[in-house]
Amino acid sequence: MGMRLGEGSGAALAYPLLQSACAIINEMASFSDAGISEQTN
Protein backbone atom coordinates (compact mmCIF):
# COMPACT_ATOMS: atom_id res chain seq x y z
CA MET A 1 0.00 0.00 0.00
CA GLY A 2 3.01 2.30 0.30
CA MET A 3 1.89 3.82 3.58
CA ARG A 4 4.41 5.50 5.82
CA LEU A 5 4.51 5.94 9.56
CA GLY A 6 1.90 8.47 10.64
CA GLU A 7 -0.68 7.98 7.93
CA GLY A 8 -2.59 5.22 9.69
CA SER A 9 -0.72 4.61 12.88
CA GLY A 10 -1.80 7.94 14.38
CA ALA A 11 -5.47 7.08 13.98
CA ALA A 12 -4.89 3.58 15.35
CA LEU A 13 -3.25 5.04 18.46
CA ALA A 14 -5.66 7.95 18.92
CA TYR A 15 -8.85 5.87 18.92
CA PRO A 16 -8.26 4.08 22.27
CA LEU A 17 -7.16 7.37 23.83
CA LEU A 18 -10.37 9.11 22.74
CA GLN A 19 -12.44 6.12 23.82
CA SER A 20 -10.86 6.25 27.28
CA ALA A 21 -11.40 10.00 27.57
CA CYS A 22 -15.10 9.62 26.74
CA ALA A 23 -15.47 6.82 29.30
CA ILE A 24 -13.85 8.96 32.00
CA ILE A 25 -16.10 11.94 31.24
CA ASN A 26 -19.27 9.82 31.18
CA GLU A 27 -18.49 7.79 34.32
CA MET A 28 -16.86 10.40 36.56
CA ALA A 29 -18.89 11.53 39.56
CA SER A 30 -19.73 15.20 39.85
CA PHE A 31 -19.02 17.14 43.02
CA SER A 32 -22.65 16.88 44.10
CA ASP A 33 -22.72 13.13 43.40
CA ALA A 34 -19.59 12.68 45.51
CA GLY A 35 -21.04 14.76 48.36
CA ILE A 36 -18.48 17.55 48.14
CA SER A 37 -19.78 20.99 49.07
CA GLU A 38 -18.37 24.40 48.22
CA GLN A 39 -15.47 25.55 50.36
CA THR A 40 -15.80 28.96 51.97
CA ASN A 41 -12.86 30.90 53.33
C-alpha atoms as a PDB file:
ATOM      1  CA  MET A   1       0.000   0.000   0.000  1.00  0.00           C
ATOM      2  CA  GLY A   2       3.009   2.302   0.304  1.00  0.00           C
ATOM      3  CA  MET A   3       1.889   3.820   3.583  1.00  0.00           C
ATOM      4  CA  ARG A   4       4.408   5.502   5.819  1.00  0.00           C
ATOM      5  CA  LEU A   5       4.506   5.942   9.559  1.00  0.00           C
ATOM      6  CA  GLY A   6       1.900   8.470  10.644  1.00  0.00           C
ATOM      7  CA  GLU A   7      -0.683   7.975   7.928  1.00  0.00           C
ATOM      8  CA  GLY A   8      -2.591   5.221   9.689  1.00  0.00           C
ATOM      9  CA  SER A   9      -0.718   4.612  12.883  1.00  0.00           C
ATOM     10  CA  GLY A  10      -1.800   7.945  14.376  1.00  0.00           C
ATOM     11  CA  ALA A  11      -5.467   7.078  13.975  1.00  0.00           C
ATOM     12  CA  ALA A  12      -4.893   3.583  15.348  1.00  0.00           C
ATOM     13  CA  LEU A  13      -3.246   5.036  18.460  1.00  0.00           C
ATOM     14  CA  ALA A  14      -5.658   7.953  18.915  1.00  0.00           C
ATOM     15  CA  TYR A  15      -8.850   5.871  18.920  1.00  0.00           C
ATOM     16  CA  PRO A  16      -8.256   4.081  22.271  1.00  0.00           C
ATOM     17  CA  LEU A  17      -7.157   7.372  23.832  1.00  0.00           C
ATOM     18  CA  LEU A  18     -10.372   9.109  22.735  1.00  0.00           C
ATOM     19  CA  GLN A  19     -12.435   6.121  23.816  1.00  0.00           C
ATOM     20  CA  SER A  20     -10.860   6.245  27.284  1.00  0.00           C
ATOM     21  CA  ALA A  21     -11.402  10.000  27.570  1.00  0.00           C
ATOM     22  CA  CYS A  22     -15.098   9.619  26.736  1.00  0.00           C
ATOM     23  CA  ALA A  23     -15.473   6.824  29.295  1.00  0.00           C
ATOM     24  CA  ILE A  24     -13.849   8.964  31.999  1.00  0.00           C
ATOM     25  CA  ILE A  25     -16.105  11.937  31.242  1.00  0.00           C
ATOM     26  CA  ASN A  26     -19.265   9.818  31.181  1.00  0.00           C
ATOM     27  CA  GLU A  27     -18.488   7.794  34.324  1.00  0.00           C
ATOM     28  CA  MET A  28     -16.856  10.401  36.561  1.00  0.00           C
ATOM     29  CA  ALA A  29     -18.887  11.528  39.562  1.00  0.00           C
ATOM     30  CA  SER A  30     -19.729  15.202  39.852  1.00  0.00           C
ATOM     31  CA  PHE A  31     -19.017  17.145  43.023  1.00  0.00           C
ATOM     32  CA  SER A  32     -22.652  16.881  44.099  1.00  0.00           C
ATOM     33  CA  ASP A  33     -22.724  13.127  43.396  1.00  0.00           C
ATOM     34  CA  ALA A  34     -19.590  12.683  45.507  1.00  0.00           C
ATOM     35  CA  GLY A  35     -21.041  14.757  48.358  1.00  0.00           C
ATOM     36  CA  ILE A  36     -18.483  17.552  48.141  1.00  0.00           C
ATOM     37  CA  SER A  37     -19.776  20.988  49.067  1.00  0.00           C
ATOM     38  CA  GLU A  38     -18.367  24.402  48.219  1.00  0.00           C
ATOM     39  CA  GLN A  39     -15.469  25.550  50.363  1.00  0.00           C
ATOM     40  CA  THR A  40     -15.802  28.956  51.966  1.00  0.00           C
ATOM     41  CA  ASN A  41     -12.863  30.899  53.335  1.00  0.00           C
END
